Amino acid sequence: MFEEELEHYLNLDWTLIEGTDLDFNGEPYFYLEIKEFPSFVFCAKTKEKAYEGYKRQLKLTLMIMLEDGDKIPNPGDDPQEECY
């Protein structure tokens, strides 16, 4: 059941926020954030690598949340509404 639930969440249409920045050496990098997970950021040298790799990090995030019984947001949820 855990694997099915994990796969369900991995395949939802999360709100991805793209951006670029410079690292400490002044080299450009690309990042992806997921709006529904305010602390989620995945960085890579290129946009293509970021899109190839962010799901591995998302999977780990979701696994921990499921194991801890945390509430997992739905795509489109506004994380600011959860703040008090």
Protein backbone atom coordinates (compact mmCIF):
# COMPACT_ATOMS: atom_id res chain seq x y z
CA MET A 1 0.00 0.00 0.00
CA PHE A 2 2.83 2.39 0.86
CA GLU A 3 4.38 2.03 -2.62
CA GLU A 4 1.03 2.67 -4.33
CA GLU A 5 0.44 5.80 -2.27
CA LEU A 6 3.97 7.01 -2.98
CA GLU A 7 3.55 6.47 -6.74
CA HIS A 8 0.23 8.31 -6.62
CA TYR A 9 1.84 11.39 -5.09
CA LEU A 10 4.88 11.25 -7.39
CA ASN A 11 2.66 11.42 -10.45
CA LEU A 12 0.52 14.38 -9.41
CA ASP A 13 0.76 17.65 -11.32
CA TRP A 14 2.81 19.70 -8.83
CA THR A 15 3.35 23.43 -9.39
CA LEU A 16 6.98 23.75 -10.47
CA ILE A 17 8.76 27.09 -10.16
CA GLU A 18 11.89 27.47 -12.29
CA GLY A 19 14.78 29.80 -11.75
CA THR A 20 18.46 30.46 -12.27
CA ASP A 21 21.11 31.83 -9.97
CA LEU A 22 24.87 31.92 -9.51
CA ASP A 23 26.80 29.61 -7.19
CA PHE A 24 29.60 30.77 -4.86
CA ASN A 25 32.05 30.66 -7.77
CA GLY A 26 29.86 32.82 -9.99
CA GLU A 27 28.81 29.86 -12.14
CA PRO A 28 25.16 29.72 -13.23
CA TYR A 29 22.87 26.93 -12.08
CA PHE A 30 19.20 26.09 -12.55
CA TYR A 31 16.74 25.30 -9.77
CA LEU A 32 13.25 23.92 -9.38
CA GLU A 33 10.95 24.60 -6.48
CA ILE A 34 7.61 22.97 -5.80
CA LYS A 35 5.10 25.60 -4.68
CA GLU A 36 3.17 23.17 -2.49
CA PHE A 37 6.36 22.24 -0.57
CA PRO A 38 7.91 25.57 0.52
CA SER A 39 11.20 23.99 1.61
CA PHE A 40 11.70 21.95 -1.58
CA VAL A 41 14.47 23.08 -3.96
CA PHE A 42 16.43 20.99 -6.44
CA CYS A 43 19.50 22.46 -8.15
CA ALA A 44 21.47 21.33 -11.19
CA LYS A 45 23.89 22.77 -13.75
CA THR A 46 21.23 22.76 -16.48
CA LYS A 47 17.48 22.93 -16.80
CA GLU A 48 17.45 19.46 -18.35
CA LYS A 49 19.40 17.93 -15.46
CA ALA A 50 17.09 19.61 -12.94
CA TYR A 51 14.01 18.14 -14.61
CA GLU A 52 15.70 14.73 -14.83
CA GLY A 53 16.63 14.70 -11.14
CA TYR A 54 14.06 16.53 -9.04
CA LYS A 55 11.72 13.53 -8.78
CA ARG A 56 14.36 11.55 -6.86
CA GLN A 57 14.41 14.25 -4.21
CA LEU A 58 10.61 14.54 -4.29
CA LYS A 59 10.35 10.78 -3.75
CA LEU A 60 12.57 10.97 -0.65
CA THR A 61 10.59 13.93 0.68
CA LEU A 62 7.29 12.09 0.19
CA MET A 63 8.63 8.88 1.74
CA ILE A 64 9.60 10.74 4.91
CA MET A 65 6.27 12.57 5.03
CA LEU A 66 4.31 9.34 4.60
CA GLU A 67 6.37 7.52 7.22
CA ASP A 68 5.92 10.40 9.68
CA GLY A 69 2.19 10.70 8.98
CA ASP A 70 2.57 14.31 7.80
CA LYS A 71 -0.18 15.96 5.80
CA ILE A 72 0.74 15.97 2.12
CA PRO A 73 -0.66 18.93 0.22
CA ASN A 74 -2.57 18.63 -3.03
CA PRO A 75 -1.35 20.26 -6.23
CA GLY A 76 -2.59 23.83 -6.28
CA ASP A 77 -2.75 24.15 -2.49
CA ASP A 78 -1.35 27.44 -1.22
CA PRO A 79 1.26 26.75 1.48
CA GLN A 80 0.69 30.24 2.91
CA GLU A 81 -2.80 29.19 3.97
CA GLU A 82 -1.24 26.65 6.35
CA CYS A 83 0.75 29.33 8.21
CA TYR A 84 -0.67 30.85 11.36
